Amino acid sequence: MTKEEIIKTTNEFLVEEIEVEQDNIAEDSRLKDDLGIDSLDFVDIAVIVERKFGFKIKAEEMMSVQTLGEFYNYIDSKIN
């Protein structure tokens, strides 16, 4: 899967399933502060990522992920 496909898939599920505003999505958007993703959303995101990308998110690895761009890179590093 290319980086562009990862970005497209991630953005789609954030808008459709997590209900993030499309206008707020940018690589430098902070997951918690700018996108309003809370701990319950992270549980949903973990399930969606496993379904769409085929791996389980490790909480300790996600601790350092602050922005959407870092999240794209995290997914990319796990599947490619």
C-alpha atoms as a PDB file:
ATOM      1  CA  MET A   1       0.000   0.000   0.000  1.00  0.00           C
ATOM      2  CA  THR A   2       1.394   3.393  -0.955  1.00  0.00           C
ATOM      3  CA  LYS A   3       1.654   6.349   1.408  1.00  0.00           C
ATOM      4  CA  GLU A   4      -1.056   8.105  -0.634  1.00  0.00           C
ATOM      5  CA  GLU A   5      -3.397   5.131  -0.172  1.00  0.00           C
ATOM      6  CA  ILE A   6      -2.696   5.126   3.577  1.00  0.00           C
ATOM      7  CA  ILE A   7      -3.503   8.837   3.797  1.00  0.00           C
ATOM      8  CA  LYS A   8      -6.698   8.463   1.738  1.00  0.00           C
ATOM      9  CA  THR A   9      -7.937   5.441   3.727  1.00  0.00           C
ATOM     10  CA  THR A  10      -7.105   7.052   7.068  1.00  0.00           C
ATOM     11  CA  ASN A  11      -8.765  10.354   6.200  1.00  0.00           C
ATOM     12  CA  GLU A  12     -11.887   8.552   4.979  1.00  0.00           C
ATOM     13  CA  PHE A  13     -12.381   6.582   8.191  1.00  0.00           C
ATOM     14  CA  LEU A  14     -11.629   9.625  10.349  1.00  0.00           C
ATOM     15  CA  VAL A  15     -14.394  11.580   8.606  1.00  0.00           C
ATOM     16  CA  GLU A  16     -16.912   8.756   8.176  1.00  0.00           C
ATOM     17  CA  GLU A  17     -16.474   6.723  11.363  1.00  0.00           C
ATOM     18  CA  ILE A  18     -14.836   9.049  13.916  1.00  0.00           C
ATOM     19  CA  GLU A  19     -16.743  12.115  12.637  1.00  0.00           C
ATOM     20  CA  VAL A  20     -13.715  14.401  12.325  1.00  0.00           C
ATOM     21  CA  GLU A  21     -14.423  17.546  10.296  1.00  0.00           C
ATOM     22  CA  GLN A  22     -12.859  17.256   6.816  1.00  0.00           C
ATOM     23  CA  ASP A  23     -11.653  20.873   7.055  1.00  0.00           C
ATOM     24  CA  ASN A  24      -9.550  20.029  10.126  1.00  0.00           C
ATOM     25  CA  ILE A  25      -7.594  17.245   8.424  1.00  0.00           C
ATOM     26  CA  ALA A  26      -3.991  18.206   7.701  1.00  0.00           C
ATOM     27  CA  GLU A  27      -0.678  16.452   8.265  1.00  0.00           C
ATOM     28  CA  ASP A  28       0.230  18.856  11.059  1.00  0.00           C
ATOM     29  CA  SER A  29      -3.165  18.529  12.804  1.00  0.00           C
ATOM     30  CA  ARG A  30      -2.741  17.319  16.380  1.00  0.00           C
ATOM     31  CA  LEU A  31      -4.892  14.252  17.025  1.00  0.00           C
ATOM     32  CA  LYS A  32      -6.251  15.351  20.394  1.00  0.00           C
ATOM     33  CA  ASP A  33      -6.194  19.136  20.228  1.00  0.00           C
ATOM     34  CA  ASP A  34      -7.068  19.846  16.580  1.00  0.00           C
ATOM     35  CA  LEU A  35      -9.126  16.787  15.645  1.00  0.00           C
ATOM     36  CA  GLY A  36     -10.798  16.252  19.025  1.00  0.00           C
ATOM     37  CA  ILE A  37      -9.917  12.571  19.183  1.00  0.00           C
ATOM     38  CA  ASP A  38     -10.396  11.285  22.730  1.00  0.00           C
ATOM     39  CA  SER A  39      -9.547   7.991  24.420  1.00  0.00           C
ATOM     40  CA  LEU A  40     -12.799   6.331  23.312  1.00  0.00           C
ATOM     41  CA  ASP A  41     -12.101   7.389  19.723  1.00  0.00           C
ATOM     42  CA  PHE A  42      -8.648   5.801  19.985  1.00  0.00           C
ATOM     43  CA  VAL A  43     -10.291   2.484  20.866  1.00  0.00           C
ATOM     44  CA  ASP A  44     -12.436   2.753  17.731  1.00  0.00           C
ATOM     45  CA  ILE A  45      -9.429   3.786  15.657  1.00  0.00           C
ATOM     46  CA  ALA A  46      -7.482   0.747  16.878  1.00  0.00           C
ATOM     47  CA  VAL A  47     -10.291  -1.553  15.718  1.00  0.00           C
ATOM     48  CA  ILE A  48     -10.592   0.220  12.361  1.00  0.00           C
ATOM     49  CA  VAL A  49      -6.820   0.151  11.750  1.00  0.00           C
ATOM     50  CA  GLU A  50      -6.724  -3.578  12.462  1.00  0.00           C
ATOM     51  CA  ARG A  51      -9.614  -4.155  10.037  1.00  0.00           C
ATOM     52  CA  LYS A  52      -8.307  -1.906   7.242  1.00  0.00           C
ATOM     53  CA  PHE A  53      -4.540  -2.338   7.574  1.00  0.00           C
ATOM     54  CA  GLY A  54      -4.178  -5.751   9.238  1.00  0.00           C
ATOM     55  CA  PHE A  55      -2.140  -4.961  12.350  1.00  0.00           C
ATOM     56  CA  LYS A  56      -2.817  -4.140  15.994  1.00  0.00           C
ATOM     57  CA  ILE A  57      -1.894  -0.734  17.346  1.00  0.00           C
ATOM     58  CA  LYS A  58       0.350  -0.926  20.407  1.00  0.00           C
ATOM     59  CA  ALA A  59      -0.544   1.705  22.991  1.00  0.00           C
ATOM     60  CA  GLU A  60       3.077   2.277  23.973  1.00  0.00           C
ATOM     61  CA  GLU A  61       4.004   3.014  20.355  1.00  0.00           C
ATOM     62  CA  MET A  62       1.129   5.457  19.963  1.00  0.00           C
ATOM     63  CA  MET A  63       2.317   7.516  22.942  1.00  0.00           C
ATOM     64  CA  SER A  64       4.784   9.381  20.720  1.00  0.00           C
ATOM     65  CA  VAL A  65       2.265   9.972  17.897  1.00  0.00           C
ATOM     66  CA  GLN A  66       0.940  13.503  18.232  1.00  0.00           C
ATOM     67  CA  THR A  67       0.014  14.626  14.707  1.00  0.00           C
ATOM     68  CA  LEU A  68      -1.896  13.124  11.823  1.00  0.00           C
ATOM     69  CA  GLY A  69       1.296  13.054   9.746  1.00  0.00           C
ATOM     70  CA  GLU A  70       3.008  11.014  12.465  1.00  0.00           C
ATOM     71  CA  PHE A  71      -0.001   8.666  12.467  1.00  0.00           C
ATOM     72  CA  TYR A  72       0.300   8.159   8.684  1.00  0.00           C
ATOM     73  CA  ASN A  73       4.007   7.398   9.157  1.00  0.00           C
ATOM     74  CA  TYR A  74       3.261   4.980  11.996  1.00  0.00           C
ATOM     75  CA  ILE A  75       0.826   3.033   9.798  1.00  0.00           C
ATOM     76  CA  ASP A  76       3.261   3.117   6.885  1.00  0.00           C
ATOM     77  CA  SER A  77       6.090   1.746   9.068  1.00  0.00           C
ATOM     78  CA  LYS A  78       3.889  -1.149  10.206  1.00  0.00           C
ATOM     79  CA  ILE A  79       2.642  -2.312   6.828  1.00  0.00           C
ATOM     80  CA  ASN A  80       5.507  -1.508   4.473  1.00  0.00           C
END
